[in-house]
Amino acid sequence: MAYPPILEISDLISDSVEPADFPAARLRFRNQRWAERVGLGDLSASDWIGHFARFAPLAGNLPGPLALRYHGHQFGTYNPQLGDGRGFLFAQLQGPTGRILDLGTKGSGQTPWSRQGDGRLTLKGAVREILASSYLEALGVNTSKTISVIETGEELYRGDEPSPTRSAVMVRLQHSHIRFGSFQRLAWLEDADGMARLLEHCVATYHPQAVGEDPAEMALGFLSAVSEATARMVAQWMAAGFVHGVMNTDNFNITGESFDFGPYRFLPVSDPNFTAAYFDQTGLYRFGRQPTQAAWALQQLASALLLLAETEDLVTALGSFQDVYQRSFARHTLFLLGLKDGASLEADLTFLQSFYGWMTASGASWAQTFFDWFGGAASADRAGASPQAELYAASDFAPVRTELFARQPDRPERLDHAYFQKPRPVSLVIDEIEALWAPIAEADDWSLFEAKLAAIEDVGRAIRTIPDTAA
């Protein structure tokens, strides 16, 4: 395999670009834990700025940035004028398990795909992305990781926040930046040879289990692997109460990772109709519709692969989505409740229907409920002292309590962690995000933001999604 692997197909799906020349470079966030995991932990402060604000190439890596080309359905309408308009692929590294990891940017300047945009990112947008990726990681959701944010000293004008506002450039880490839209673009161009090249690269690099005798067989294995990865990701969103907000096909990648956070939200209470984006007037990407929308996006990927395989076979390759989604949704909900899987998937889904039904009807706090009942019966005393204990004493909670008490806790020693000795959980609803941003905007005071990140890491250590060390 060529290294970096993307060089095999860079002519097919990308354009070489130059990063913006920013007037300033002030480090605001360095994810040292992940930097160490991918071999960047020893970078000096000046080298960090050089690589992640000036984008000097990493040794032995890409000679220059690559802006990826893609198309996509945006709120159901096909758009062939997309591509990386304010970001690029900067480097590819080998992760701690041997898998390839991309370093990609946001706010790094204009590209051929900027469509009259300035190619910049607001500092507030970068702060919101750090928070989203950190909290999702702590909750065990498959997600990109924000590795660097550097303030760049420009004034930006935006219609959705007070302007002028501050600018930043962000670098994220994820297994692949190749999107469904990269396949859609080649289908639109009717480039079967290019599609076969892209497919072969993606199978060899990301889904080797999908190898086949010919492009048609490979396309089916690939589609099945991407479908299952996407199903697991969206199931985790639903268990975590996360609303992505903009589930366009160019915001899905082939490795099933959460990324490119725009107007996301975490649910304050269970509400299937909750919509994150103010411009989503019809509620197309509302919380309860996310699994349906993910399945629809996969259908568009399958349609692109018609250049290589037959319709009936592609439909069959998508057939595991619902089963994988249900299993992952049940397993991740139980994980976040600190409970072992039940005797059967059917039993788990029956319990979850009752649990989430009560959550929706009662208006209970999403984060507080999961926190109070982590470990089931082992947390009965904690739940009895909760700020929402009255809800648990009501008769409509009785069936849920019975089921919680009947289930086995998973690693109950986790309840000894200091996090579970607190009265309230760490949460990330929109009012909290705004409260974290206010002192940064008004007085360049990052103390509340830094305390929140520390608290989020505490969540991950308590439920054991984040290791105690970077090793």
Protein backbone atom coordinates (compact mmCIF):
# COMPACT_ATOMS: atom_id res chain seq x y z
CA MET A 1 0.00 0.00 0.00
CA ALA A 2 1.33 3.41 -0.94
CA TYR A 3 1.75 5.82 1.95
CA PRO A 4 -0.10 8.06 2.40
CA PRO A 5 -2.77 5.84 0.76
CA ILE A 6 -4.79 8.78 -0.60
CA LEU A 7 -2.00 9.45 -3.12
CA GLU A 8 -3.23 6.40 -5.05
CA ILE A 9 -6.40 8.26 -6.02
CA SER A 10 -5.63 11.93 -5.32
CA ASP A 11 -5.95 12.77 -9.02
CA LEU A 12 -9.44 11.26 -9.05
CA ILE A 13 -11.11 12.84 -6.04
CA SER A 14 -9.10 15.92 -5.02
CA ASP A 15 -7.38 19.13 -6.03
CA SER A 16 -4.09 20.45 -4.70
CA VAL A 17 -4.67 23.70 -2.82
CA GLU A 18 -2.77 26.28 -0.81
CA PRO A 19 -3.70 27.11 2.80
CA ALA A 20 -4.67 30.63 3.76
CA ASP A 21 -1.97 32.97 5.06
CA PHE A 22 -3.39 33.95 8.42
CA PRO A 23 -2.34 37.20 10.12
CA ALA A 24 -2.02 35.53 13.54
CA ALA A 25 -1.74 32.10 15.10
CA ARG A 26 -2.72 31.70 18.74
CA LEU A 27 -3.14 28.18 20.02
CA ARG A 28 -6.49 27.71 21.75
CA PHE A 29 -6.80 23.92 21.94
CA ARG A 30 -4.31 21.08 21.68
CA ASN A 31 -5.60 17.54 22.11
CA GLN A 32 -2.47 16.09 23.66
CA ARG A 33 -4.06 12.72 24.45
CA TRP A 34 -4.79 12.03 20.79
CA ALA A 35 -1.62 13.71 19.59
CA GLU A 36 0.34 11.15 21.58
CA ARG A 37 -1.73 8.29 20.22
CA VAL A 38 -0.85 9.19 16.62
CA GLY A 39 2.81 10.07 17.21
CA LEU A 40 2.49 13.87 17.36
CA GLY A 41 2.73 14.30 21.11
CA ASP A 42 6.33 15.49 21.07
CA LEU A 43 5.75 18.40 18.68
CA SER A 44 7.05 21.64 20.14
CA ALA A 45 4.71 24.61 20.44
CA SER A 46 6.30 26.27 17.42
CA ASP A 47 6.15 23.09 15.32
CA TRP A 48 2.50 22.65 16.26
CA ILE A 49 1.75 26.14 14.97
CA GLY A 50 3.85 25.47 11.89
CA HIS A 51 1.92 22.35 10.99
CA PHE A 52 -1.60 23.26 12.11
CA ALA A 53 -1.78 27.00 11.34
CA ARG A 54 0.78 27.37 8.53
CA PHE A 55 0.36 23.79 7.30
CA ALA A 56 3.99 22.95 6.72
CA PRO A 57 3.87 19.29 5.58
CA LEU A 58 4.55 16.55 8.12
CA ALA A 59 7.74 14.62 7.34
CA GLY A 60 7.14 11.79 4.89
CA ASN A 61 3.51 12.71 4.42
CA LEU A 62 1.44 14.58 1.84
CA PRO A 63 3.53 17.19 0.03
CA GLY A 64 0.62 19.63 0.15
CA PRO A 65 -3.06 19.87 1.08
CA LEU A 66 -5.78 18.18 -0.96
CA ALA A 67 -9.33 19.55 -1.20
CA LEU A 68 -11.69 16.65 -1.86
CA ARG A 69 -14.29 16.74 -4.63
CA TYR A 70 -17.82 15.46 -4.07
CA HIS A 71 -21.49 16.03 -4.78
CA GLY A 72 -24.40 15.50 -2.45
CA HIS A 73 -28.07 15.72 -1.58
CA GLN A 74 -28.67 18.78 0.58
CA PHE A 75 -32.08 18.62 2.26
CA GLY A 76 -33.14 16.20 -0.45
CA THR A 77 -31.96 18.28 -3.42
CA TYR A 78 -29.01 17.10 -5.48
CA ASN A 79 -26.14 19.56 -5.69
CA PRO A 80 -23.22 18.92 -8.09
CA GLN A 81 -21.38 22.09 -7.00
CA LEU A 82 -19.88 20.82 -3.74
CA GLY A 83 -16.44 19.84 -2.47
CA ASP A 84 -14.15 20.96 0.35
CA GLY A 85 -14.87 24.69 0.34
CA ARG A 86 -13.13 25.64 3.59
CA GLY A 87 -11.09 22.59 4.43
CA PHE A 88 -8.65 20.05 3.05
CA LEU A 89 -6.93 16.77 3.81
CA PHE A 90 -3.58 17.66 5.35
CA ALA A 91 -2.02 14.32 6.27
CA GLN A 92 -2.63 10.63 6.88
CA LEU A 93 -1.22 8.85 9.93
CA GLN A 94 -1.27 5.37 11.38
CA GLY A 95 -3.46 5.13 14.46
CA PRO A 96 -2.80 3.11 17.62
CA THR A 97 -4.53 0.02 16.16
CA GLY A 98 -2.74 0.27 12.81
CA ARG A 99 -5.69 1.82 10.96
CA ILE A 100 -5.23 4.90 8.79
CA LEU A 101 -6.27 8.22 10.32
CA ASP A 102 -6.78 11.45 8.38
CA LEU A 103 -5.90 14.93 9.56
CA GLY A 104 -8.42 17.24 7.94
CA THR A 105 -9.07 20.93 8.38
CA LYS A 106 -11.93 23.38 8.71
CA GLY A 107 -11.47 27.09 8.14
CA SER A 108 -8.15 26.72 6.30
CA GLY A 109 -8.96 29.01 3.38
CA GLN A 110 -10.60 29.11 -0.01
CA THR A 111 -10.46 26.25 -2.51
CA PRO A 112 -11.91 25.72 -5.99
CA TRP A 113 -15.07 24.57 -4.19
CA SER A 114 -15.64 27.59 -1.94
CA ARG A 115 -18.60 28.89 -4.00
CA GLN A 116 -17.99 32.56 -3.11
CA GLY A 117 -17.42 31.65 0.55
CA ASP A 118 -14.45 33.03 2.46
CA GLY A 119 -13.15 29.59 3.44
CA ARG A 120 -12.97 30.58 7.08
CA LEU A 121 -14.32 29.23 10.38
CA THR A 122 -15.52 31.28 13.31
CA LEU A 123 -13.84 30.70 16.63
CA LYS A 124 -17.25 30.02 18.14
CA GLY A 125 -17.84 27.31 15.52
CA ALA A 126 -14.51 25.73 16.45
CA VAL A 127 -15.36 25.83 20.16
CA ARG A 128 -18.70 24.16 19.46
CA GLU A 129 -16.97 21.42 17.46
CA ILE A 130 -14.46 20.73 20.22
CA LEU A 131 -17.33 20.33 22.67
CA ALA A 132 -19.40 18.09 20.38
CA SER A 133 -16.58 15.72 19.45
CA SER A 134 -15.30 15.54 23.04
CA TYR A 135 -18.72 14.78 24.51
CA LEU A 136 -19.59 12.21 21.86
CA GLU A 137 -16.25 10.48 22.43
CA ALA A 138 -16.91 10.40 26.18
CA LEU A 139 -20.32 8.82 25.53
CA GLY A 140 -18.74 6.12 23.37
CA VAL A 141 -20.08 7.40 20.05
CA ASN A 142 -17.99 6.81 16.93
CA THR A 143 -16.77 10.31 16.15
CA SER A 144 -14.03 12.45 14.73
CA LYS A 145 -11.70 14.01 17.28
CA THR A 146 -10.80 17.69 17.29
CA ILE A 147 -7.04 17.74 17.65
CA SER A 148 -6.20 21.44 17.23
CA VAL A 149 -7.84 24.87 17.18
CA ILE A 150 -5.78 27.99 16.49
CA GLU A 151 -7.19 31.49 16.49
CA THR A 152 -6.15 33.26 13.29
CA GLY A 153 -6.69 36.98 13.90
CA GLU A 154 -9.27 37.80 11.24
CA GLU A 155 -12.70 39.41 11.61
CA LEU A 156 -15.51 37.41 10.04
CA TYR A 157 -19.05 38.41 9.21
CA ARG A 158 -21.81 35.84 9.64
CA GLY A 159 -25.58 36.09 9.59
CA ASP A 160 -26.13 33.63 12.42
CA GLU A 161 -23.92 35.17 15.13
CA PRO A 162 -22.94 38.67 16.21
CA SER A 163 -20.42 40.14 13.75
CA PRO A 164 -17.63 40.87 13.33
CA THR A 165 -16.59 37.70 15.06
CA ARG A 166 -13.29 35.96 15.62
CA SER A 167 -11.74 33.40 13.28
CA ALA A 168 -9.99 30.08 13.76
CA VAL A 169 -8.59 27.12 11.91
CA MET A 170 -9.38 23.64 13.19
CA VAL A 171 -7.83 20.23 12.55
CA ARG A 172 -9.82 17.06 13.10
CA LEU A 173 -8.74 13.43 13.24
CA GLN A 174 -10.87 10.65 11.73
CA HIS A 175 -10.40 7.44 9.80
CA SER A 176 -11.57 8.81 6.48
CA HIS A 177 -12.79 12.04 4.93
CA ILE A 178 -14.11 10.21 1.85
CA ARG A 179 -17.84 10.90 1.73
CA PHE A 180 -20.83 9.30 0.08
CA GLY A 181 -20.77 12.35 -2.19
CA SER A 182 -17.41 11.30 -3.67
CA PHE A 183 -19.17 8.26 -5.14
CA GLN A 184 -22.17 10.33 -6.18
CA ARG A 185 -19.91 12.67 -8.15
CA LEU A 186 -18.37 9.82 -10.15
CA ALA A 187 -21.82 8.38 -10.84
CA TRP A 188 -23.00 11.79 -12.07
CA LEU A 189 -19.96 11.88 -14.38
CA GLU A 190 -20.72 8.28 -15.48
CA ASP A 191 -17.09 7.43 -14.73
CA ALA A 192 -17.22 3.67 -14.20
CA ASP A 193 -13.43 3.28 -14.33
CA GLY A 194 -12.98 6.03 -11.75
CA MET A 195 -15.67 4.45 -9.56
CA ALA A 196 -13.85 1.11 -9.71
CA ARG A 197 -10.58 2.80 -8.71
CA LEU A 198 -12.20 4.63 -5.80
CA LEU A 199 -13.94 1.48 -4.66
CA GLU A 200 -10.77 -0.61 -4.79
CA HIS A 201 -8.93 2.03 -2.75
CA CYS A 202 -11.67 2.26 -0.11
CA VAL A 203 -11.89 -1.50 0.28
CA ALA A 204 -8.13 -1.99 0.54
CA THR A 205 -7.67 0.92 2.96
CA TYR A 206 -10.83 0.90 5.11
CA HIS A 207 -12.95 -2.21 4.54
CA PRO A 208 -10.64 -5.11 3.59
CA GLN A 209 -13.37 -7.59 4.55
CA ALA A 210 -15.22 -6.47 1.40
CA VAL A 211 -12.60 -7.72 -1.04
CA GLY A 212 -14.16 -9.52 -4.01
CA GLU A 213 -13.48 -11.31 -7.27
CA ASP A 214 -14.58 -8.32 -9.39
CA PRO A 215 -15.82 -4.74 -8.96
CA ALA A 216 -19.45 -5.84 -8.69
CA GLU A 217 -18.78 -8.25 -5.84
CA MET A 218 -16.53 -5.69 -4.16
CA ALA A 219 -19.23 -3.02 -4.45
CA LEU A 220 -21.71 -5.23 -2.61
CA GLY A 221 -19.32 -6.04 0.22
CA PHE A 222 -18.34 -2.41 0.50
CA LEU A 223 -21.93 -1.17 0.59
CA SER A 224 -22.79 -3.72 3.27
CA ALA A 225 -19.79 -2.66 5.40
CA VAL A 226 -20.58 1.05 5.06
CA SER A 227 -24.25 0.39 5.79
CA GLU A 228 -23.44 -1.43 9.01
CA ALA A 229 -20.93 1.22 10.13
CA THR A 230 -23.49 3.95 9.48
CA ALA A 231 -26.21 2.04 11.31
CA ARG A 232 -23.98 1.72 14.38
CA MET A 233 -23.11 5.42 14.33
CA VAL A 234 -26.70 6.63 14.09
CA ALA A 235 -27.84 4.13 16.73
CA GLN A 236 -25.22 5.63 19.05
CA TRP A 237 -26.52 9.13 18.27
CA MET A 238 -30.01 8.06 19.25
CA ALA A 239 -28.84 6.51 22.51
CA ALA A 240 -26.79 9.61 23.34
CA GLY A 241 -29.62 12.02 22.51
CA PHE A 242 -27.57 13.67 19.78
CA VAL A 243 -29.11 15.56 16.86
CA HIS A 244 -26.65 16.11 14.02
CA GLY A 245 -28.75 18.74 12.32
CA VAL A 246 -27.54 18.49 8.70
CA MET A 247 -27.60 14.90 7.46
CA ASN A 248 -26.81 15.71 3.83
CA THR A 249 -25.10 12.91 1.91
CA ASP A 250 -21.87 14.91 1.80
CA ASN A 251 -21.86 14.76 5.62
CA PHE A 252 -21.68 10.94 5.72
CA ASN A 253 -18.30 9.28 5.42
CA ILE A 254 -17.48 5.71 4.48
CA THR A 255 -16.21 4.70 7.92
CA GLY A 256 -19.33 5.69 9.86
CA GLU A 257 -17.97 8.55 11.97
CA SER A 258 -19.68 11.68 13.28
CA PHE A 259 -18.06 14.76 11.79
CA ASP A 260 -18.60 18.22 10.33
CA PHE A 261 -20.79 19.44 13.15
CA GLY A 262 -22.93 22.42 12.27
CA PRO A 263 -26.09 23.33 14.20
CA TYR A 264 -26.03 20.18 16.33
CA ARG A 265 -27.89 19.79 19.61
CA PHE A 266 -28.01 17.37 22.52
CA LEU A 267 -31.55 16.75 23.68
CA PRO A 268 -32.59 18.41 26.94
CA VAL A 269 -35.56 15.99 27.07
CA SER A 270 -36.76 13.16 24.87
CA ASP A 271 -38.54 14.63 21.86
CA PRO A 272 -38.66 12.75 18.53
CA ASN A 273 -39.61 15.99 16.73
CA PHE A 274 -36.69 18.04 18.05
CA THR A 275 -34.87 19.81 15.20
CA ALA A 276 -31.34 21.18 15.58
CA ALA A 277 -31.06 23.50 12.58
CA TYR A 278 -33.16 26.66 12.51
CA PHE A 279 -33.22 26.42 8.70
CA ASP A 280 -34.64 22.86 8.72
CA GLN A 281 -38.15 24.21 8.25
CA THR A 282 -39.81 20.84 7.56
CA GLY A 283 -38.00 18.89 10.27
CA LEU A 284 -36.38 16.61 7.68
CA TYR A 285 -33.43 15.93 9.99
CA ARG A 286 -35.34 15.92 13.27
CA PHE A 287 -34.12 13.62 16.04
CA GLY A 288 -36.62 10.79 15.54
CA ARG A 289 -36.04 10.71 11.79
CA GLN A 290 -32.26 10.27 11.91
CA PRO A 291 -32.30 6.48 11.33
CA THR A 292 -34.63 6.91 8.34
CA GLN A 293 -32.45 9.65 6.91
CA ALA A 294 -29.31 7.55 7.33
CA ALA A 295 -30.99 4.69 5.46
CA TRP A 296 -32.00 7.12 2.70
CA ALA A 297 -28.42 8.40 2.41
CA LEU A 298 -27.20 4.82 2.05
CA GLN A 299 -29.72 4.31 -0.74
CA GLN A 300 -28.10 7.22 -2.57
CA LEU A 301 -24.71 5.57 -2.15
CA ALA A 302 -26.20 2.37 -3.53
CA SER A 303 -27.60 4.29 -6.49
CA ALA A 304 -24.12 5.61 -7.25
CA LEU A 305 -22.76 2.06 -7.22
CA LEU A 306 -25.18 1.08 -9.99
CA LEU A 307 -22.25 1.85 -12.29
CA LEU A 308 -20.70 -1.38 -11.02
CA ALA A 309 -23.43 -3.66 -9.65
CA GLU A 310 -27.07 -4.64 -10.18
CA THR A 311 -30.01 -3.04 -8.40
CA GLU A 312 -31.33 -6.21 -6.78
CA ASP A 313 -27.91 -7.12 -5.40
CA LEU A 314 -27.35 -3.62 -4.01
CA VAL A 315 -30.75 -3.69 -2.30
CA THR A 316 -29.77 -6.99 -0.69
CA ALA A 317 -26.47 -5.48 0.48
CA LEU A 318 -28.43 -2.81 2.37
CA GLY A 319 -30.59 -5.42 4.04
CA SER A 320 -28.68 -5.64 7.30
CA PHE A 321 -29.13 -1.95 8.18
CA GLN A 322 -32.22 -2.30 10.34
CA ASP A 323 -30.97 -5.30 12.29
CA VAL A 324 -27.57 -3.71 12.96
CA TYR A 325 -29.26 -0.45 13.93
CA GLN A 326 -31.61 -2.12 16.43
CA ARG A 327 -28.85 -4.20 18.01
CA SER A 328 -26.53 -1.23 18.27
CA PHE A 329 -29.26 1.04 19.64
CA ALA A 330 -30.15 -1.47 22.33
CA ARG A 331 -26.54 -2.21 23.19
CA HIS A 332 -25.49 1.43 23.39
CA THR A 333 -28.49 2.49 25.45
CA LEU A 334 -27.77 -0.30 27.91
CA PHE A 335 -24.09 0.66 27.93
CA LEU A 336 -25.02 4.25 28.82
CA LEU A 337 -27.27 2.89 31.57
CA GLY A 338 -24.48 0.70 32.94
CA LEU A 339 -26.48 -2.49 32.34
CA LYS A 340 -25.71 -5.81 30.72
CA ASP A 341 -27.56 -6.95 27.62
CA GLY A 342 -30.76 -8.83 28.36
CA ALA A 343 -31.73 -12.37 27.47
CA SER A 344 -32.65 -11.39 23.92
CA LEU A 345 -32.74 -8.44 21.58
CA GLU A 346 -36.52 -8.59 21.61
CA ALA A 347 -36.56 -8.25 25.40
CA ASP A 348 -34.13 -5.36 25.26
CA LEU A 349 -36.19 -3.51 22.64
CA THR A 350 -39.38 -4.02 24.64
CA PHE A 351 -37.71 -2.49 27.69
CA LEU A 352 -36.33 0.41 25.66
CA GLN A 353 -39.74 1.15 24.20
CA SER A 354 -41.06 1.47 27.73
CA PHE A 355 -38.02 3.45 28.93
CA TYR A 356 -37.96 5.99 26.11
CA GLY A 357 -41.74 6.21 26.07
CA TRP A 358 -41.67 7.22 29.73
CA MET A 359 -38.85 9.69 29.06
CA THR A 360 -40.87 11.38 26.32
CA ALA A 361 -44.16 11.47 28.24
CA SER A 362 -42.67 12.63 31.55
CA GLY A 363 -40.37 15.35 30.19
CA ALA A 364 -37.52 13.99 32.32
CA SER A 365 -34.06 15.40 31.71
CA TRP A 366 -32.24 13.14 29.26
CA ALA A 367 -28.80 13.43 30.84
CA GLN A 368 -30.11 13.33 34.42
CA THR A 369 -32.11 10.14 33.84
CA PHE A 370 -29.18 8.22 32.39
CA PHE A 371 -26.96 9.51 35.19
CA ASP A 372 -29.43 8.67 37.98
CA TRP A 373 -30.02 5.10 36.85
CA PHE A 374 -26.53 4.11 35.77
CA GLY A 375 -26.16 0.58 37.13
CA GLY A 376 -29.91 0.05 37.58
CA ALA A 377 -30.94 -1.05 41.07
CA ALA A 378 -27.45 -0.30 42.37
CA SER A 379 -28.28 3.39 41.93
CA ALA A 380 -31.72 3.37 43.57
CA ASP A 381 -30.54 5.51 46.49
CA ARG A 382 -28.82 7.95 44.15
CA ALA A 383 -31.97 8.23 42.04
CA GLY A 384 -34.01 8.80 45.19
CA ALA A 385 -31.90 11.87 45.94
CA SER A 386 -32.02 13.18 42.36
CA PRO A 387 -33.36 16.63 41.47
CA GLN A 388 -36.07 14.77 39.56
CA ALA A 389 -36.79 12.11 42.20
CA GLU A 390 -40.50 13.02 42.12
CA LEU A 391 -40.72 11.72 38.57
CA TYR A 392 -39.34 8.36 39.68
CA ALA A 393 -41.91 8.15 42.50
CA ALA A 394 -44.86 8.57 40.09
CA SER A 395 -46.90 5.53 39.12
CA ASP A 396 -46.08 5.76 35.43
CA PHE A 397 -42.41 5.06 36.20
CA ALA A 398 -43.19 1.80 38.05
CA PRO A 399 -42.89 -0.50 34.98
CA VAL A 400 -39.58 1.09 34.04
CA ARG A 401 -38.29 0.73 37.60
CA THR A 402 -39.29 -2.94 37.65
CA GLU A 403 -37.32 -3.60 34.48
CA LEU A 404 -34.30 -1.62 35.70
CA PHE A 405 -34.26 -3.62 38.92
CA ALA A 406 -34.52 -6.90 37.03
CA ARG A 407 -31.43 -6.21 34.93
CA GLN A 408 -27.84 -6.98 35.83
CA PRO A 409 -25.43 -4.08 36.27
CA ASP A 410 -22.37 -4.12 34.05
CA ARG A 411 -19.14 -3.47 35.98
CA PRO A 412 -20.89 -1.88 38.96
CA GLU A 413 -17.52 -0.84 40.38
CA ARG A 414 -17.74 2.12 37.99
CA LEU A 415 -20.24 3.65 40.41
CA ASP A 416 -17.36 4.21 42.82
CA HIS A 417 -15.96 6.87 40.50
CA ALA A 418 -16.18 10.40 41.87
CA TYR A 419 -18.36 11.42 38.94
CA PHE A 420 -21.25 9.36 40.29
CA GLN A 421 -21.02 10.96 43.70
CA LYS A 422 -22.24 14.26 42.26
CA PRO A 423 -25.93 15.30 42.24
CA ARG A 424 -25.99 16.25 38.57
CA PRO A 425 -24.41 14.88 35.40
CA VAL A 426 -22.31 16.63 32.80
CA SER A 427 -24.55 17.68 29.92
CA LEU A 428 -24.19 19.80 26.81
CA VAL A 429 -27.48 21.46 25.94
CA ILE A 430 -27.40 24.62 23.88
CA ASP A 431 -27.81 27.03 26.80
CA GLU A 432 -24.69 25.57 28.40
CA ILE A 433 -22.70 26.02 25.19
CA GLU A 434 -23.78 29.65 24.95
CA ALA A 435 -22.83 30.19 28.60
CA LEU A 436 -19.35 28.79 27.90
CA TRP A 437 -18.90 31.02 24.88
CA ALA A 438 -20.02 34.27 26.57
CA PRO A 439 -16.89 34.83 28.73
CA ILE A 440 -14.65 33.95 25.77
CA ALA A 441 -16.39 36.51 23.58
CA GLU A 442 -16.57 39.18 26.26
CA ALA A 443 -13.31 38.85 28.16
CA ASP A 444 -11.22 36.14 26.44
CA ASP A 445 -11.84 34.04 29.54
CA TRP A 446 -11.47 30.34 28.70
CA SER A 447 -11.74 29.02 32.25
CA LEU A 448 -15.35 27.76 32.04
CA PHE A 449 -14.67 26.12 28.68
CA GLU A 450 -11.56 24.37 30.00
CA ALA A 451 -13.42 23.23 33.11
CA LYS A 452 -16.17 21.80 30.91
CA LEU A 453 -13.68 19.83 28.83
CA ALA A 454 -12.15 18.42 32.01
CA ALA A 455 -15.62 17.44 33.23
CA ILE A 456 -16.41 15.77 29.91
CA GLU A 457 -13.21 13.73 30.12
CA ASP A 458 -14.30 12.76 33.63
CA VAL A 459 -17.49 11.31 32.16
CA GLY A 460 -15.47 9.22 29.74
CA ARG A 461 -13.22 7.91 32.49
CA ALA A 462 -16.17 7.11 34.72
CA ILE A 463 -17.97 5.03 32.11
CA ARG A 464 -14.61 3.85 30.68
CA THR A 465 -14.67 5.20 27.15
CA ILE A 466 -11.59 7.36 27.74
CA PRO A 467 -8.45 5.77 29.21
CA ASP A 468 -6.88 7.09 32.37
CA THR A 469 -3.64 7.68 30.44
CA ALA A 470 -2.79 8.37 26.84
CA ALA A 471 -1.13 4.98 26.43
